[in-house]
Amino acid sequence: MDREQEEMQFLGLFGVFRESFKIIQSWRRIFTQISLTLILPLSFVFLLHIDVSEVLLSKIIYNEEALDRSVGTPRYEKLSDVLSREWTFFLLFKTAYFTFFLVLSLLSTAAVVYTIACAYTARDVTFRKVLSVVPRVWKRLFVTFLCIFVAVFLYNTLAISLLISVIMVAGDTTAGSAVILVLLAIYLAGFVYMTMVWQLASVVSVLEEDYGVRAMVKSKDLIKGKLVLSVTVFFILVLSLWSVQALFEVLVVRGRGGSSGVPARVGYAAVCFALLSGLFLFGLTIQTVIYFVCKSYHHENIDKSALSDHLEVYLGEYVPLKAKDVQLEQYQLHDHV
């Protein structure tokens, strides 16, 4: 990372993208190794899930329509049993997908964040060292994920309860529809904000001593003042992800646009696979750069020598960065005031 952290606070949208690209280019060898080991399997699982889900849902919809047409006939019970098995398999598949995707996603996050921290401290890092650190950091990331999962679950439960209450009270009226639209807008804003907090908390969990709820609280404080930048980056990445997903569904899964042949579908699938892998790597890098931008904005500049010491694997154990190290410059600033 060429830029000093004091300057990071002045990075705008294009500056964040440019800095992320520079990091990947400068450390392309180790990022290529991380991509081959973790990010490519992550992309494969994501795209495979889309393809298989489409096939399973098509069968379920077809059998449900056949079930509706066979009410009162001997074929009804047989179709009902088939549908029950298909729904069970579909839910098991979704559970397996979510598990694999979560594990690979957290491992990729740990690897990318740790590598960028090494780049920031100008430390030589090997892929073997990254692999030795990642499993230990993954545990901290998983605790943070569980906390945000519980928070999102409670948030959704509250939102659904409130929405049902409004529908029951207001009914099908113009005023009720307006209130529902306002509530949906507030819900979406809250959900995006929680996603921002989680993404920044993931970086905090890797580089600092805080994880879980404390990392979320720290992330909430850090994102103040840079929320617009974080949200803008988030929507750009999400729209890019949706675009790749839509491209895959249209050209590969459904075989439209002159891609009905197997060679054409394989070619389009390879393009989507490459685009998605690059997007995942770029997104994780941007996520870490925004962390440094937020730290700089709050004058919590990280001391490079302290960070370098804590990134060491000592006796096989990962040592997280202490709060006093990440806020060294902030303390110095207060002393001068």
Protein backbone atom coordinates (compact mmCIF):
# COMPACT_ATOMS: atom_id res chain seq x y z
CA MET A 1 0.00 0.00 0.00
CA ASP A 2 1.78 3.08 -1.28
CA ARG A 3 -0.35 5.70 0.43
CA GLU A 4 0.29 6.74 4.05
CA GLN A 5 -2.69 6.20 6.29
CA GLU A 6 -2.95 9.89 7.20
CA GLU A 7 -3.85 10.48 3.54
CA MET A 8 -6.42 7.66 3.37
CA GLN A 9 -9.21 9.80 4.85
CA PHE A 10 -9.23 11.95 1.71
CA LEU A 11 -9.94 9.04 -0.65
CA GLY A 12 -13.25 9.28 -2.46
CA LEU A 13 -15.09 6.65 -4.45
CA PHE A 14 -12.63 6.51 -7.34
CA GLY A 15 -9.69 6.76 -4.96
CA VAL A 16 -10.87 3.69 -3.04
CA PHE A 17 -11.31 1.73 -6.26
CA ARG A 18 -7.92 2.84 -7.57
CA GLU A 19 -6.15 1.99 -4.30
CA SER A 20 -7.78 -1.45 -4.22
CA PHE A 21 -6.68 -2.15 -7.78
CA LYS A 22 -3.11 -1.07 -6.97
CA ILE A 23 -2.97 -3.43 -4.00
CA ILE A 24 -4.14 -6.40 -6.06
CA GLN A 25 -1.67 -5.54 -8.84
CA SER A 26 1.27 -5.08 -6.47
CA TRP A 27 0.61 -8.38 -4.68
CA ARG A 28 -0.90 -10.25 -7.61
CA ARG A 29 1.10 -13.44 -6.99
CA ILE A 30 -0.27 -14.11 -3.51
CA PHE A 31 -3.74 -12.86 -4.46
CA THR A 32 -3.69 -15.29 -7.38
CA GLN A 33 -2.88 -18.10 -4.94
CA ILE A 34 -5.67 -17.00 -2.60
CA SER A 35 -8.07 -16.84 -5.54
CA LEU A 36 -7.18 -20.32 -6.78
CA THR A 37 -7.50 -21.82 -3.30
CA LEU A 38 -10.49 -19.99 -1.82
CA ILE A 39 -12.19 -17.48 -4.10
CA LEU A 40 -12.56 -19.71 -7.18
CA PRO A 41 -14.27 -22.45 -5.12
CA LEU A 42 -16.46 -19.72 -3.59
CA SER A 43 -17.50 -18.55 -7.06
CA PHE A 44 -18.06 -22.13 -8.22
CA VAL A 45 -20.35 -22.88 -5.27
CA PHE A 46 -22.31 -19.67 -5.91
CA LEU A 47 -22.88 -20.37 -9.60
CA LEU A 48 -23.56 -24.07 -9.07
CA HIS A 49 -26.19 -23.12 -6.51
CA ILE A 50 -27.98 -20.94 -9.09
CA ASP A 51 -27.99 -23.70 -11.71
CA VAL A 52 -29.09 -26.51 -9.40
CA SER A 53 -31.73 -24.35 -7.70
CA GLU A 54 -33.25 -23.55 -11.09
CA VAL A 55 -33.49 -27.26 -11.97
CA LEU A 56 -34.97 -28.25 -8.61
CA LEU A 57 -37.51 -25.42 -8.56
CA SER A 58 -38.60 -26.20 -12.11
CA LYS A 59 -39.37 -29.78 -11.10
CA ILE A 60 -41.21 -28.64 -7.98
CA ILE A 61 -43.34 -26.13 -9.90
CA TYR A 62 -44.15 -28.72 -12.58
CA ASN A 63 -45.23 -31.30 -9.98
CA GLU A 64 -47.25 -28.73 -8.01
CA GLU A 65 -49.20 -27.87 -11.17
CA ALA A 66 -49.72 -31.57 -11.85
CA LEU A 67 -50.87 -32.02 -8.24
CA ASP A 68 -53.51 -29.30 -8.64
CA ARG A 69 -54.84 -31.06 -11.74
CA SER A 70 -54.99 -34.48 -10.05
CA VAL A 71 -57.09 -33.60 -7.00
CA GLY A 72 -59.43 -36.48 -6.19
CA THR A 73 -57.52 -39.02 -8.30
CA PRO A 74 -55.26 -41.94 -7.22
CA ARG A 75 -52.29 -40.04 -8.67
CA TYR A 76 -52.73 -37.27 -6.10
CA GLU A 77 -51.14 -39.15 -3.17
CA LYS A 78 -48.19 -40.25 -5.29
CA LEU A 79 -47.50 -36.71 -6.49
CA SER A 80 -47.88 -35.42 -2.94
CA ASP A 81 -45.15 -37.82 -1.73
CA VAL A 82 -42.89 -36.83 -4.63
CA LEU A 83 -43.33 -33.14 -3.83
CA SER A 84 -42.57 -33.74 -0.16
CA ARG A 85 -39.30 -35.47 -1.06
CA GLU A 86 -38.38 -32.76 -3.55
CA TRP A 87 -38.98 -29.95 -1.05
CA THR A 88 -36.93 -31.83 1.56
CA PHE A 89 -34.04 -32.28 -0.87
CA PHE A 90 -34.30 -28.62 -1.93
CA LEU A 91 -34.07 -27.39 1.67
CA LEU A 92 -31.15 -29.73 2.42
CA PHE A 93 -29.39 -28.47 -0.70
CA LYS A 94 -29.94 -24.85 0.37
CA THR A 95 -28.55 -25.63 3.83
CA ALA A 96 -25.47 -27.31 2.37
CA TYR A 97 -24.94 -24.39 -0.02
CA PHE A 98 -25.24 -21.81 2.74
CA THR A 99 -22.76 -23.74 4.91
CA PHE A 100 -20.12 -24.13 2.19
CA PHE A 101 -20.57 -20.55 0.99
CA LEU A 102 -20.28 -19.15 4.52
CA VAL A 103 -17.13 -21.13 5.33
CA LEU A 104 -15.40 -20.19 2.06
CA SER A 105 -16.53 -16.57 2.36
CA LEU A 106 -15.12 -16.17 5.88
CA LEU A 107 -11.88 -17.94 4.95
CA SER A 108 -11.49 -15.68 1.90
CA THR A 109 -12.14 -12.60 4.03
CA ALA A 110 -9.52 -13.65 6.57
CA ALA A 111 -6.93 -14.35 3.86
CA VAL A 112 -7.46 -11.11 1.94
CA VAL A 113 -7.59 -8.83 5.01
CA TYR A 114 -4.48 -10.41 6.53
CA THR A 115 -2.58 -10.10 3.24
CA ILE A 116 -3.53 -6.42 2.81
CA ALA A 117 -2.43 -5.71 6.39
CA CYS A 118 0.93 -7.25 5.51
CA ALA A 119 1.06 -5.05 2.40
CA TYR A 120 0.31 -1.99 4.54
CA THR A 121 3.25 -2.78 6.84
CA ALA A 122 5.52 -3.64 3.86
CA ARG A 123 5.98 -7.10 5.31
CA ASP A 124 6.96 -10.08 3.20
CA VAL A 125 4.19 -12.64 3.40
CA THR A 126 4.02 -16.12 1.96
CA PHE A 127 0.96 -18.07 0.98
CA ARG A 128 1.89 -20.75 3.52
CA LYS A 129 1.89 -18.15 6.30
CA VAL A 130 -1.52 -16.89 5.17
CA LEU A 131 -2.92 -20.42 5.28
CA SER A 132 -1.51 -20.94 8.79
CA VAL A 133 -3.16 -17.75 10.10
CA VAL A 134 -6.51 -18.01 8.32
CA PRO A 135 -8.04 -20.91 10.34
CA ARG A 136 -7.43 -19.06 13.61
CA VAL A 137 -8.80 -15.77 12.31
CA TRP A 138 -11.81 -17.60 10.85
CA LYS A 139 -13.07 -18.45 14.34
CA ARG A 140 -13.21 -14.75 15.25
CA LEU A 141 -15.01 -13.94 11.99
CA PHE A 142 -17.54 -16.68 12.64
CA VAL A 143 -18.40 -15.27 16.08
CA THR A 144 -18.91 -11.85 14.49
CA PHE A 145 -21.12 -13.41 11.82
CA LEU A 146 -23.25 -15.17 14.45
CA CYS A 147 -23.80 -11.87 16.25
CA ILE A 148 -24.89 -10.05 13.10
CA PHE A 149 -27.04 -13.05 12.12
CA VAL A 150 -28.92 -12.82 15.42
CA ALA A 151 -29.24 -9.05 15.03
CA VAL A 152 -30.63 -9.37 11.49
CA PHE A 153 -33.02 -12.13 12.59
CA LEU A 154 -34.42 -9.95 15.39
CA TYR A 155 -34.57 -6.97 13.02
CA ASN A 156 -36.54 -8.95 10.42
CA THR A 157 -38.86 -10.38 13.07
CA LEU A 158 -39.63 -6.89 14.35
CA ALA A 159 -40.13 -5.54 10.82
CA ILE A 160 -42.50 -8.36 9.82
CA SER A 161 -44.50 -7.97 13.04
CA LEU A 162 -44.81 -4.23 12.49
CA LEU A 163 -45.80 -4.72 8.85
CA ILE A 164 -48.52 -7.24 9.76
CA SER A 165 -49.84 -4.89 12.44
CA VAL A 166 -50.07 -2.00 9.96
CA ILE A 167 -51.86 -4.19 7.40
CA MET A 168 -54.37 -5.39 10.03
CA VAL A 169 -55.08 -1.86 11.30
CA ALA A 170 -54.97 0.18 8.08
CA GLY A 171 -56.23 -2.49 5.73
CA ASP A 172 -56.36 -1.92 1.97
CA THR A 173 -56.42 1.89 2.05
CA THR A 174 -54.37 4.62 0.44
CA ALA A 175 -53.02 5.73 3.80
CA GLY A 176 -52.13 2.14 4.71
CA SER A 177 -50.28 1.63 1.42
CA ALA A 178 -48.33 4.87 1.97
CA VAL A 179 -47.34 3.78 5.48
CA ILE A 180 -46.24 0.38 4.19
CA LEU A 181 -44.07 1.99 1.49
CA VAL A 182 -42.44 4.24 4.10
CA LEU A 183 -41.81 1.27 6.41
CA LEU A 184 -40.30 -0.74 3.55
CA ALA A 185 -37.96 2.16 2.72
CA ILE A 186 -36.90 2.43 6.37
CA TYR A 187 -36.42 -1.33 6.55
CA LEU A 188 -34.22 -1.35 3.44
CA ALA A 189 -32.11 1.52 4.79
CA GLY A 190 -31.67 -0.29 8.10
CA PHE A 191 -30.75 -3.56 6.40
CA VAL A 192 -28.13 -1.87 4.22
CA TYR A 193 -26.69 -0.12 7.29
CA MET A 194 -26.42 -3.41 9.18
CA THR A 195 -24.65 -4.94 6.18
CA MET A 196 -22.16 -2.05 6.19
CA VAL A 197 -21.51 -2.56 9.89
CA TRP A 198 -21.00 -6.30 9.39
CA GLN A 199 -18.52 -5.85 6.55
CA LEU A 200 -16.42 -3.38 8.51
CA ALA A 201 -16.74 -5.51 11.66
CA SER A 202 -15.24 -8.43 9.73
CA VAL A 203 -12.08 -6.41 9.09
CA VAL A 204 -12.01 -5.26 12.71
CA SER A 205 -12.26 -8.91 13.81
CA VAL A 206 -9.13 -9.77 11.83
CA LEU A 207 -6.91 -6.79 12.64
CA GLU A 208 -7.97 -5.82 16.16
CA GLU A 209 -8.62 -7.51 19.46
CA ASP A 210 -12.38 -6.96 19.24
CA TYR A 211 -14.75 -9.44 17.62
CA GLY A 212 -18.39 -10.37 17.94
CA VAL A 213 -20.58 -7.65 19.47
CA ARG A 214 -17.57 -5.46 20.34
CA ALA A 215 -16.43 -5.52 16.70
CA MET A 216 -19.91 -4.48 15.60
CA VAL A 217 -19.92 -1.57 18.05
CA LYS A 218 -16.45 -0.53 16.91
CA SER A 219 -17.55 -0.79 13.29
CA LYS A 220 -20.62 1.36 13.98
CA ASP A 221 -18.39 4.09 15.41
CA LEU A 222 -15.85 3.85 12.59
CA ILE A 223 -18.39 4.12 9.79
CA LYS A 224 -19.63 7.51 11.01
CA GLY A 225 -18.61 10.19 8.56
CA LYS A 226 -17.91 7.68 5.78
CA LEU A 227 -21.37 6.15 5.54
CA VAL A 228 -22.18 7.69 2.16
CA LEU A 229 -18.93 6.35 0.68
CA SER A 230 -19.56 2.88 2.16
CA VAL A 231 -23.15 2.73 0.92
CA THR A 232 -22.17 3.92 -2.57
CA VAL A 233 -19.48 1.24 -2.83
CA PHE A 234 -21.93 -1.35 -1.50
CA PHE A 235 -24.56 -0.60 -4.16
CA ILE A 236 -21.98 -0.62 -6.95
CA LEU A 237 -20.73 -4.04 -5.86
CA VAL A 238 -24.25 -5.41 -5.37
CA LEU A 239 -25.37 -4.19 -8.80
CA SER A 240 -22.25 -5.76 -10.32
CA LEU A 241 -23.03 -9.04 -8.57
CA TRP A 242 -26.64 -8.97 -9.76
CA SER A 243 -25.46 -8.27 -13.30
CA VAL A 244 -23.13 -11.29 -13.33
CA GLN A 245 -25.86 -13.45 -11.78
CA ALA A 246 -28.42 -12.30 -14.35
CA LEU A 247 -25.95 -12.92 -17.16
CA PHE A 248 -25.33 -16.45 -15.88
CA GLU A 249 -29.04 -17.21 -15.52
CA VAL A 250 -29.94 -15.94 -18.99
CA LEU A 251 -27.01 -17.27 -21.02
CA VAL A 252 -26.08 -20.44 -19.11
CA VAL A 253 -29.02 -21.67 -17.03
CA ARG A 254 -31.80 -20.82 -19.52
CA GLY A 255 -29.61 -20.89 -22.64
CA ARG A 256 -31.03 -17.77 -24.25
CA GLY A 257 -29.31 -15.28 -26.53
CA GLY A 258 -28.04 -17.89 -28.98
CA SER A 259 -26.31 -19.91 -26.26
CA SER A 260 -28.40 -23.09 -26.43
CA GLY A 261 -25.44 -25.25 -27.48
CA VAL A 262 -23.17 -26.88 -24.90
CA PRO A 263 -19.93 -25.20 -26.13
CA ALA A 264 -21.57 -21.76 -25.99
CA ARG A 265 -22.93 -22.36 -22.50
CA VAL A 266 -19.53 -23.58 -21.26
CA GLY A 267 -17.90 -20.47 -22.71
CA TYR A 268 -20.41 -18.12 -21.10
CA ALA A 269 -20.12 -20.01 -17.82
CA ALA A 270 -16.33 -19.55 -17.87
CA VAL A 271 -16.74 -15.81 -18.48
CA CYS A 272 -19.23 -15.47 -15.59
CA PHE A 273 -16.96 -17.56 -13.38
CA ALA A 274 -13.98 -15.30 -14.08
CA LEU A 275 -16.03 -12.11 -13.60
CA LEU A 276 -17.50 -13.32 -10.32
CA SER A 277 -14.12 -14.41 -8.92
CA GLY A 278 -12.60 -11.04 -9.77
CA LEU A 279 -15.59 -9.27 -8.22
CA PHE A 280 -15.30 -11.24 -4.97
CA LEU A 281 -11.57 -10.48 -4.67
CA PHE A 282 -12.07 -6.81 -5.55
CA GLY A 283 -14.96 -6.51 -3.08
CA LEU A 284 -12.94 -7.95 -0.18
CA THR A 285 -10.03 -5.67 -1.00
CA ILE A 286 -12.29 -2.61 -1.12
CA GLN A 287 -13.83 -3.65 2.18
CA THR A 288 -10.38 -3.56 3.80
CA VAL A 289 -9.37 -0.27 2.16
CA ILE A 290 -12.54 1.36 3.51
CA TYR A 291 -11.50 0.19 6.99
CA PHE A 292 -8.22 2.11 6.65
CA VAL A 293 -10.12 5.13 5.28
CA CYS A 294 -12.43 5.12 8.31
CA LYS A 295 -9.52 4.71 10.73
CA SER A 296 -7.75 7.65 9.10
CA TYR A 297 -10.89 9.79 9.14
CA HIS A 298 -11.20 9.29 12.93
CA HIS A 299 -7.44 9.89 13.41
CA GLU A 300 -6.93 6.33 14.62
CA ASN A 301 -3.92 5.77 12.41
CA ILE A 302 -2.37 2.35 12.87
CA ASP A 303 1.27 2.21 13.88
CA LYS A 304 2.95 0.08 11.21
CA SER A 305 5.57 -1.47 13.48
CA ALA A 306 2.94 -2.44 16.06
CA LEU A 307 0.69 -3.93 13.39
CA SER A 308 3.65 -5.80 11.90
CA ASP A 309 4.48 -7.33 15.28
CA HIS A 310 0.92 -8.45 15.86
CA LEU A 311 0.59 -9.99 12.42
CA GLU A 312 3.33 -12.45 13.31
CA VAL A 313 2.41 -16.04 13.98
CA TYR A 314 4.10 -16.70 17.30
CA LEU A 315 4.28 -20.30 18.45
CA GLY A 316 1.48 -21.13 16.03
CA GLU A 317 -0.97 -18.58 17.48
CA TYR A 318 -2.49 -15.55 15.82
CA VAL A 319 -2.04 -12.40 17.89
CA PRO A 320 -4.67 -9.72 17.19
CA LEU A 321 -3.85 -6.03 17.19
CA LYS A 322 -4.42 -4.29 20.52
CA ALA A 323 -6.66 -1.26 20.74
CA LYS A 324 -3.79 0.85 22.06
CA ASP A 325 -1.84 0.10 18.88
CA VAL A 326 -4.59 1.00 16.43
CA GLN A 327 -5.31 4.24 18.26
CA LEU A 328 -1.72 5.35 18.79
CA GLU A 329 -2.03 8.41 16.56
CA GLN A 330 -5.33 9.36 18.16
CA TYR A 331 -3.69 9.46 21.59
CA GLN A 332 -0.86 11.58 20.21
CA LEU A 333 -3.38 13.98 18.67
CA HIS A 334 -5.15 14.41 22.00
CA ASP A 335 -1.83 15.12 23.72
CA HIS A 336 -1.17 18.03 21.34
CA VAL A 337 -4.62 19.55 21.76
